[in-house]
Structures are given as structure tokens and as C-alpha cells.
């Protein structure tokens, strides 16, 4: 996955399972990450498992909440527009 080096990714569901594994793989490939999950403790555990340089930001987020997702998009360190 070397083509991912230097890229930026948003991973939702990063607090466990597939989301955590994806975040770890992207970080290992050199991507910078904004990680999000509704489970604050799981999210913190995922962030702790990644190198500090790879995590741009962490967000406790329920992706079924449209207002929350729009707020995340506006305020995240990724500078995305909603």
C-alpha cells in the first residue's frame, strides 16, 4: 500500500474490529488519519496503538447523526467542507 504514503484518510468505526484494523494498516502505510467512533474508550485504544504522527485527530462520533457528521466535517483538522 505504498501509494497511500502521504495521504490523508478518515476512518469511522475505528474503535474496534475492521475499522481499527483499517486504521492500523493505513497508518503503517504512511497515511495521516482522522479516526472516529461512537465508543470513546475503543477510539482511545486505537489511537494509542498508532504512531502519534499518523493520527491527525480523534472524534467521538455517531455517524447516524447527520448534524454530528456535518459538524465533524466542518471542524476536523482535515479542512473538509460539508
PDB file of N, CA and C in Angstrom:
ATOM      1  N   UNK A   1       0.816  -1.201   0.000  1.00  0.00           N
ATOM      2  CA  UNK A   1       0.000   0.000   0.000  1.00  0.00           C
ATOM      3  C   UNK A   1       0.854   1.257   0.000  1.00  0.00           C
ATOM      4  N   UNK A   2       1.998   1.248  -0.614  1.00  0.00           N
ATOM      5  CA  UNK A   2       2.881   2.402  -0.585  1.00  0.00           C
ATOM      6  C   UNK A   2       2.281   3.623  -1.275  1.00  0.00           C
ATOM      7  N   UNK A   3       1.303   3.434  -2.155  1.00  0.00           N
ATOM      8  CA  UNK A   3       0.662   4.568  -2.805  1.00  0.00           C
ATOM      9  C   UNK A   3      -0.144   5.403  -1.806  1.00  0.00           C
ATOM     10  N   UNK A   4      -0.365   4.882  -0.612  1.00  0.00           N
ATOM     11  CA  UNK A   4      -1.102   5.593   0.427  1.00  0.00           C
ATOM     12  C   UNK A   4      -0.202   6.494   1.269  1.00  0.00           C
ATOM     13  N   UNK A   5       1.090   6.342   1.151  1.00  0.00           N
ATOM     14  CA  UNK A   5       2.022   7.161   1.938  1.00  0.00           C
ATOM     15  C   UNK A   5       1.806   8.629   1.615  1.00  0.00           C
ATOM     16  N   UNK A   6       1.679   9.421   2.653  1.00  0.00           N
ATOM     17  CA  UNK A   6       1.486  10.853   2.485  1.00  0.00           C
ATOM     18  C   UNK A   6       0.040  11.250   2.289  1.00  0.00           C
ATOM     19  N   UNK A   7      -0.849  10.277   2.191  1.00  0.00           N
ATOM     20  CA  UNK A   7      -2.266  10.573   2.021  1.00  0.00           C
ATOM     21  C   UNK A   7      -2.935  10.851   3.353  1.00  0.00           C
ATOM     22  N   UNK A   8      -4.185  11.263   3.276  1.00  0.00           N
ATOM     23  CA  UNK A   8      -4.991  11.527   4.462  1.00  0.00           C
ATOM     24  C   UNK A   8      -6.263  10.709   4.345  1.00  0.00           C
ATOM     25  N   UNK A   9      -6.653  10.029   5.433  1.00  0.00           N
ATOM     26  CA  UNK A   9      -7.846   9.197   5.424  1.00  0.00           C
ATOM     27  C   UNK A   9      -8.699   9.461   6.651  1.00  0.00           C
ATOM     28  N   UNK A  10      -9.998   9.331   6.480  1.00  0.00           N
ATOM     29  CA  UNK A  10     -10.952   9.356   7.585  1.00  0.00           C
ATOM     30  C   UNK A  10     -11.428   7.931   7.771  1.00  0.00           C
ATOM     31  N   UNK A  11     -11.320   7.410   8.987  1.00  0.00           N
ATOM     32  CA  UNK A  11     -11.781   6.054   9.273  1.00  0.00           C
ATOM     33  C   UNK A  11     -12.841   6.146  10.365  1.00  0.00           C
ATOM     34  N   UNK A  12     -14.073   5.780  10.011  1.00  0.00           N
ATOM     35  CA  UNK A  12     -15.135   5.697  11.009  1.00  0.00           C
ATOM     36  C   UNK A  12     -15.199   4.257  11.499  1.00  0.00           C
ATOM     37  N   UNK A  13     -15.727   4.092  12.682  1.00  0.00           N
ATOM     38  CA  UNK A  13     -15.758   2.752  13.272  1.00  0.00           C
ATOM     39  C   UNK A  13     -14.372   2.293  13.682  1.00  0.00           C
ATOM     40  N   UNK A  14     -13.491   3.247  13.947  1.00  0.00           N
ATOM     41  CA  UNK A  14     -12.087   2.940  14.231  1.00  0.00           C
ATOM     42  C   UNK A  14     -11.860   2.399  15.637  1.00  0.00           C
ATOM     43  N   UNK A  15     -12.891   2.342  16.453  1.00  0.00           N
ATOM     44  CA  UNK A  15     -12.726   1.899  17.831  1.00  0.00           C
ATOM     45  C   UNK A  15     -12.550   0.405  18.012  1.00  0.00           C
ATOM     46  N   UNK A  16     -12.820  -0.375  16.970  1.00  0.00           N
ATOM     47  CA  UNK A  16     -12.673  -1.828  17.084  1.00  0.00           C
ATOM     48  C   UNK A  16     -12.800  -2.473  15.709  1.00  0.00           C
ATOM     49  N   UNK A  17     -12.549  -3.762  15.685  1.00  0.00           N
ATOM     50  CA  UNK A  17     -12.816  -4.581  14.511  1.00  0.00           C
ATOM     51  C   UNK A  17     -12.159  -4.112  13.220  1.00  0.00           C
ATOM     52  N   UNK A  18     -12.961  -4.139  12.156  1.00  0.00           N
ATOM     53  CA  UNK A  18     -12.459  -3.790  10.832  1.00  0.00           C
ATOM     54  C   UNK A  18     -11.958  -2.350  10.795  1.00  0.00           C
ATOM     55  N   UNK A  19     -12.669  -1.426  11.435  1.00  0.00           N
ATOM     56  CA  UNK A  19     -12.247  -0.023  11.446  1.00  0.00           C
ATOM     57  C   UNK A  19     -10.882   0.158  12.096  1.00  0.00           C
ATOM     58  N   UNK A  20     -10.661  -0.535  13.218  1.00  0.00           N
ATOM     59  CA  UNK A  20      -9.358  -0.450  13.888  1.00  0.00           C
ATOM     60  C   UNK A  20      -8.266  -1.046  13.002  1.00  0.00           C
ATOM     61  N   UNK A  21      -8.545  -2.207  12.418  1.00  0.00           N
ATOM     62  CA  UNK A  21      -7.556  -2.855  11.551  1.00  0.00           C
ATOM     63  C   UNK A  21      -7.234  -1.978  10.344  1.00  0.00           C
ATOM     64  N   UNK A  22      -8.243  -1.350   9.775  1.00  0.00           N
ATOM     65  CA  UNK A  22      -8.020  -0.462   8.628  1.00  0.00           C
ATOM     66  C   UNK A  22      -7.161   0.734   9.036  1.00  0.00           C
ATOM     67  N   UNK A  23      -7.468   1.340  10.182  1.00  0.00           N
ATOM     68  CA  UNK A  23      -6.673   2.472  10.654  1.00  0.00           C
ATOM     69  C   UNK A  23      -5.217   2.062  10.857  1.00  0.00           C
ATOM     70  N   UNK A  24      -5.004   0.886  11.429  1.00  0.00           N
ATOM     71  CA  UNK A  24      -3.636   0.413  11.663  1.00  0.00           C
ATOM     72  C   UNK A  24      -2.904   0.168  10.338  1.00  0.00           C
ATOM     73  N   UNK A  25      -3.589  -0.398   9.366  1.00  0.00           N
ATOM     74  CA  UNK A  25      -2.963  -0.652   8.064  1.00  0.00           C
ATOM     75  C   UNK A  25      -2.645   0.653   7.331  1.00  0.00           C
ATOM     76  N   UNK A  26      -3.574   1.598   7.366  1.00  0.00           N
ATOM     77  CA  UNK A  26      -3.340   2.887   6.718  1.00  0.00           C
ATOM     78  C   UNK A  26      -2.180   3.630   7.375  1.00  0.00           C
ATOM     79  N   UNK A  27      -2.122   3.601   8.698  1.00  0.00           N
ATOM     80  CA  UNK A  27      -1.021   4.251   9.412  1.00  0.00           C
ATOM     81  C   UNK A  27       0.305   3.592   9.063  1.00  0.00           C
ATOM     82  N   UNK A  28       0.314   2.267   9.013  1.00  0.00           N
ATOM     83  CA  UNK A  28       1.537   1.541   8.672  1.00  0.00           C
ATOM     84  C   UNK A  28       1.992   1.867   7.250  1.00  0.00           C
ATOM     85  N   UNK A  29       1.036   2.201   6.389  1.00  0.00           N
ATOM     86  CA  UNK A  29       1.365   2.538   5.003  1.00  0.00           C
ATOM     87  C   UNK A  29       1.802   3.992   4.850  1.00  0.00           C
ATOM     88  N   UNK A  30       1.702   4.779   5.934  1.00  0.00           N
ATOM     89  CA  UNK A  30       2.172   6.159   5.890  1.00  0.00           C
ATOM     90  C   UNK A  30       1.095   7.209   5.721  1.00  0.00           C
ATOM     91  N   UNK A  31      -0.174   6.821   5.857  1.00  0.00           N
ATOM     92  CA  UNK A  31      -1.262   7.791   5.759  1.00  0.00           C
ATOM     93  C   UNK A  31      -1.454   8.516   7.082  1.00  0.00           C
ATOM     94  N   UNK A  32      -1.903   9.758   7.003  1.00  0.00           N
ATOM     95  CA  UNK A  32      -2.320  10.506   8.184  1.00  0.00           C
ATOM     96  C   UNK A  32      -3.811  10.241   8.363  1.00  0.00           C
ATOM     97  N   UNK A  33      -4.280  10.185   9.606  1.00  0.00           N
ATOM     98  CA  UNK A  33      -5.643   9.744   9.868  1.00  0.00           C
ATOM     99  C   UNK A  33      -6.432  10.686  10.756  1.00  0.00           C
ATOM    100  N   UNK A  34      -7.714  10.785  10.450  1.00  0.00           N
ATOM    101  CA  UNK A  34      -8.716  11.286  11.377  1.00  0.00           C
ATOM    102  C   UNK A  34      -9.560  10.061  11.680  1.00  0.00           C
ATOM    103  N   UNK A  35      -9.591   9.651  12.932  1.00  0.00           N
ATOM    104  CA  UNK A  35     -10.331   8.443  13.292  1.00  0.00           C
ATOM    105  C   UNK A  35     -11.530   8.812  14.148  1.00  0.00           C
ATOM    106  N   UNK A  36     -12.618   8.064  13.955  1.00  0.00           N
ATOM    107  CA  UNK A  36     -13.854   8.380  14.663  1.00  0.00           C
ATOM    108  C   UNK A  36     -14.570   7.093  15.065  1.00  0.00           C
ATOM    109  N   UNK A  37     -15.281   7.180  16.190  1.00  0.00           N
ATOM    110  CA  UNK A  37     -16.110   6.063  16.641  1.00  0.00           C
ATOM    111  C   UNK A  37     -17.047   6.581  17.721  1.00  0.00           C
ATOM    112  N   UNK A  38     -18.152   5.916  17.910  1.00  0.00           N
ATOM    113  CA  UNK A  38     -19.081   6.267  18.981  1.00  0.00           C
ATOM    114  C   UNK A  38     -18.551   5.809  20.340  1.00  0.00           C
ATOM    115  N   UNK A  39     -17.669   4.802  20.326  1.00  0.00           N
ATOM    116  CA  UNK A  39     -17.092   4.222  21.538  1.00  0.00           C
ATOM    117  C   UNK A  39     -15.801   4.964  21.895  1.00  0.00           C
ATOM    118  N   UNK A  40     -15.896   5.858  22.849  1.00  0.00           N
ATOM    119  CA  UNK A  40     -14.760   6.703  23.224  1.00  0.00           C
ATOM    120  C   UNK A  40     -13.564   5.893  23.713  1.00  0.00           C
ATOM    121  N   UNK A  41     -13.812   4.873  24.522  1.00  0.00           N
ATOM    122  CA  UNK A  41     -12.713   4.061  25.039  1.00  0.00           C
ATOM    123  C   UNK A  41     -12.030   3.272  23.915  1.00  0.00           C
ATOM    124  N   UNK A  42     -12.810   2.660  23.052  1.00  0.00           N
ATOM    125  CA  UNK A  42     -12.240   1.924  21.921  1.00  0.00           C
ATOM    126  C   UNK A  42     -11.448   2.831  21.004  1.00  0.00           C
ATOM    127  N   UNK A  43     -11.960   4.032  20.796  1.00  0.00           N
ATOM    128  CA  UNK A  43     -11.267   5.015  19.964  1.00  0.00           C
ATOM    129  C   UNK A  43      -9.916   5.386  20.572  1.00  0.00           C
ATOM    130  N   UNK A  44      -9.900   5.587  21.883  1.00  0.00           N
ATOM    131  CA  UNK A  44      -8.648   5.913  22.572  1.00  0.00           C
ATOM    132  C   UNK A  44      -7.658   4.754  22.471  1.00  0.00           C
ATOM    133  N   UNK A  45      -8.151   3.524  22.567  1.00  0.00           N
ATOM    134  CA  UNK A  45      -7.275   2.362  22.451  1.00  0.00           C
ATOM    135  C   UNK A  45      -6.681   2.269  21.044  1.00  0.00           C
ATOM    136  N   UNK A  46      -7.496   2.548  20.039  1.00  0.00           N
ATOM    137  CA  UNK A  46      -6.987   2.538  18.667  1.00  0.00           C
ATOM    138  C   UNK A  46      -5.935   3.621  18.491  1.00  0.00           C
ATOM    139  N   UNK A  47      -6.222   4.818  18.962  1.00  0.00           N
ATOM    140  CA  UNK A  47      -5.264   5.924  18.830  1.00  0.00           C
ATOM    141  C   UNK A  47      -3.946   5.574  19.510  1.00  0.00           C
ATOM    142  N   UNK A  48      -4.030   4.923  20.675  1.00  0.00           N
ATOM    143  CA  UNK A  48      -2.819   4.550  21.403  1.00  0.00           C
ATOM    144  C   UNK A  48      -2.012   3.497  20.651  1.00  0.00           C
ATOM    145  N   UNK A  49      -2.684   2.712  19.808  1.00  0.00           N
ATOM    146  CA  UNK A  49      -1.983   1.666  19.064  1.00  0.00           C
ATOM    147  C   UNK A  49      -1.296   2.192  17.808  1.00  0.00           C
ATOM    148  N   UNK A  50      -1.558   3.445  17.471  1.00  0.00           N
ATOM    149  CA  UNK A  50      -0.984   4.054  16.266  1.00  0.00           C
ATOM    150  C   UNK A  50       0.148   5.000  16.642  1.00  0.00           C
ATOM    151  N   UNK A  51       1.015   5.287  15.699  1.00  0.00           N
ATOM    152  CA  UNK A  51       2.067   6.264  15.968  1.00  0.00           C
ATOM    153  C   UNK A  51       1.444   7.648  16.065  1.00  0.00           C
ATOM    154  N   UNK A  52       1.970   8.477  16.944  1.00  0.00           N
ATOM    155  CA  UNK A  52       1.438   9.822  17.127  1.00  0.00           C
ATOM    156  C   UNK A  52       1.436  10.623  15.839  1.00  0.00           C
ATOM    157  N   UNK A  53       2.405  10.396  14.988  1.00  0.00           N
ATOM    158  CA  UNK A  53       2.491  11.166  13.749  1.00  0.00           C
ATOM    159  C   UNK A  53       1.354  10.832  12.794  1.00  0.00           C
ATOM    160  N   UNK A  54       0.799   9.639  12.889  1.00  0.00           N
ATOM    161  CA  UNK A  54      -0.231   9.234  11.931  1.00  0.00           C
ATOM    162  C   UNK A  54      -1.622   9.737  12.302  1.00  0.00           C
ATOM    163  N   UNK A  55      -1.859  10.075  13.556  1.00  0.00           N
ATOM    164  CA  UNK A  55      -3.195  10.498  13.981  1.00  0.00           C
ATOM    165  C   UNK A  55      -3.292  12.021  13.973  1.00  0.00           C
ATOM    166  N   UNK A  56      -4.061  12.541  13.015  1.00  0.00           N
ATOM    167  CA  UNK A  56      -4.298  13.982  12.973  1.00  0.00           C
ATOM    168  C   UNK A  56      -5.313  14.386  14.020  1.00  0.00           C
ATOM    169  N   UNK A  57      -6.345  13.553  14.185  1.00  0.00           N
ATOM    170  CA  UNK A  57      -7.391  13.877  15.146  1.00  0.00           C
ATOM    171  C   UNK A  57      -8.230  12.645  15.459  1.00  0.00           C
ATOM    172  N   UNK A  58      -8.868  12.684  16.623  1.00  0.00           N
ATOM    173  CA  UNK A  58      -9.817  11.648  17.016  1.00  0.00           C
ATOM    174  C   UNK A  58     -11.146  12.335  17.304  1.00  0.00           C
ATOM    175  N   UNK A  59     -12.222  11.628  17.001  1.00  0.00           N
ATOM    176  CA  UNK A  59     -13.550  12.218  17.169  1.00  0.00           C
ATOM    177  C   UNK A  59     -14.522  11.168  17.681  1.00  0.00           C
ATOM    178  N   UNK A  60     -15.196  11.474  18.799  1.00  0.00           N
ATOM    179  CA  UNK A  60     -16.289  10.631  19.250  1.00  0.00           C
ATOM    180  C   UNK A  60     -17.479  11.046  18.394  1.00  0.00           C
ATOM    181  N   UNK A  61     -17.970  10.109  17.593  1.00  0.00           N
ATOM    182  CA  UNK A  61     -18.942  10.459  16.568  1.00  0.00           C
ATOM    183  C   UNK A  61     -19.908   9.311  16.321  1.00  0.00           C
ATOM    184  N   UNK A  62     -21.183   9.639  16.261  1.00  0.00           N
ATOM    185  CA  UNK A  62     -22.224   8.697  15.849  1.00  0.00           C
ATOM    186  C   UNK A  62     -22.548   9.036  14.399  1.00  0.00           C
ATOM    187  N   UNK A  63     -22.144   8.189  13.466  1.00  0.00           N
ATOM    188  CA  UNK A  63     -22.319   8.502  12.043  1.00  0.00           C
ATOM    189  C   UNK A  63     -23.778   8.479  11.604  1.00  0.00           C
ATOM    190  N   UNK A  64     -24.694   8.034  12.466  1.00  0.00           N
ATOM    191  CA  UNK A  64     -26.115   8.106  12.124  1.00  0.00           C
ATOM    192  C   UNK A  64     -26.700   9.473  12.470  1.00  0.00           C
ATOM    193  N   UNK A  65     -25.913  10.332  13.107  1.00  0.00           N
ATOM    194  CA  UNK A  65     -26.344  11.678  13.482  1.00  0.00           C
ATOM    195  C   UNK A  65     -25.850  12.670  12.420  1.00  0.00           C
ATOM    196  N   UNK A  66     -26.745  13.076  11.525  1.00  0.00           N
ATOM    197  CA  UNK A  66     -26.365  13.935  10.403  1.00  0.00           C
ATOM    198  C   UNK A  66     -25.714  15.236  10.868  1.00  0.00           C
ATOM    199  N   UNK A  67     -26.272  15.877  11.885  1.00  0.00           N
ATOM    200  CA  UNK A  67     -25.693  17.122  12.386  1.00  0.00           C
ATOM    201  C   UNK A  67     -24.287  16.892  12.920  1.00  0.00           C
ATOM    202  N   UNK A  68     -24.083  15.786  13.616  1.00  0.00           N
ATOM    203  CA  UNK A  68     -22.765  15.469  14.151  1.00  0.00           C
ATOM    204  C   UNK A  68     -21.745  15.251  13.046  1.00  0.00           C
ATOM    205  N   UNK A  69     -22.146  14.558  11.998  1.00  0.00           N
ATOM    206  CA  UNK A  69     -21.236  14.305  10.878  1.00  0.00           C
ATOM    207  C   UNK A  69     -20.891  15.608  10.174  1.00  0.00           C
ATOM    208  N   UNK A  70     -21.883  16.475   9.957  1.00  0.00           N
ATOM    209  CA  UNK A  70     -21.613  17.766   9.313  1.00  0.00           C
ATOM    210  C   UNK A  70     -20.682  18.624  10.173  1.00  0.00           C
ATOM    211  N   UNK A  71     -20.899  18.595  11.477  1.00  0.00           N
ATOM    212  CA  UNK A  71     -20.031  19.337  12.377  1.00  0.00           C
ATOM    213  C   UNK A  71     -18.610  18.799  12.324  1.00  0.00           C
ATOM    214  N   UNK A  72     -18.486  17.480  12.325  1.00  0.00           N
ATOM    215  CA  UNK A  72     -17.159  16.843  12.196  1.00  0.00           C
ATOM    216  C   UNK A  72     -16.469  17.307  10.915  1.00  0.00           C
ATOM    217  N   UNK A  73     -17.188  17.296   9.823  1.00  0.00           N
ATOM    218  CA  UNK A  73     -16.611  17.682   8.537  1.00  0.00           C
ATOM    219  C   UNK A  73     -16.156  19.138   8.546  1.00  0.00           C
ATOM    220  N   UNK A  74     -16.919  20.004   9.206  1.00  0.00           N
ATOM    221  CA  UNK A  74     -16.571  21.431   9.257  1.00  0.00           C
ATOM    222  C   UNK A  74     -15.396  21.713  10.201  1.00  0.00           C
ATOM    223  N   UNK A  75     -15.320  20.967  11.297  1.00  0.00           N
ATOM    224  CA  UNK A  75     -14.378  21.331  12.346  1.00  0.00           C
ATOM    225  C   UNK A  75     -13.158  20.433  12.439  1.00  0.00           C
ATOM    226  N   UNK A  76     -13.127  19.362  11.654  1.00  0.00           N
ATOM    227  CA  UNK A  76     -11.988  18.452  11.758  1.00  0.00           C
ATOM    228  C   UNK A  76     -10.726  19.141  11.269  1.00  0.00           C
ATOM    229  N   UNK A  77      -9.615  18.594  11.652  1.00  0.00           N
ATOM    230  CA  UNK A  77      -8.318  19.164  11.246  1.00  0.00           C
ATOM    231  C   UNK A  77      -8.013  18.869   9.789  1.00  0.00           C
ATOM    232  N   UNK A  78      -8.923  18.196   9.088  1.00  0.00           N
ATOM    233  CA  UNK A  78      -8.697  17.873   7.681  1.00  0.00           C
ATOM    234  C   UNK A  78      -9.111  19.010   6.760  1.00  0.00           C
ATOM    235  N   UNK A  79      -9.862  19.980   7.286  1.00  0.00           N
ATOM    236  CA  UNK A  79     -10.275  21.101   6.483  1.00  0.00           C
ATOM    237  C   UNK A  79     -11.290  20.739   5.410  1.00  0.00           C
ATOM    238  N   UNK A  80     -12.098  19.698   5.651  1.00  0.00           N
ATOM    239  CA  UNK A  80     -13.102  19.298   4.677  1.00  0.00           C
ATOM    240  C   UNK A  80     -14.304  20.237   4.781  1.00  0.00           C
ATOM    241  N   UNK A  81     -14.979  20.421   3.692  1.00  0.00           N
ATOM    242  CA  UNK A  81     -16.207  21.228   3.686  1.00  0.00           C
ATOM    243  C   UNK A  81     -17.414  20.306   3.679  1.00  0.00           C
ATOM    244  N   UNK A  82     -18.450  20.704   4.392  1.00  0.00           N
ATOM    245  CA  UNK A  82     -19.684  19.890   4.421  1.00  0.00           C
ATOM    246  C   UNK A  82     -20.700  20.464   3.481  1.00  0.00           C
TER     247      UNK A  82
END
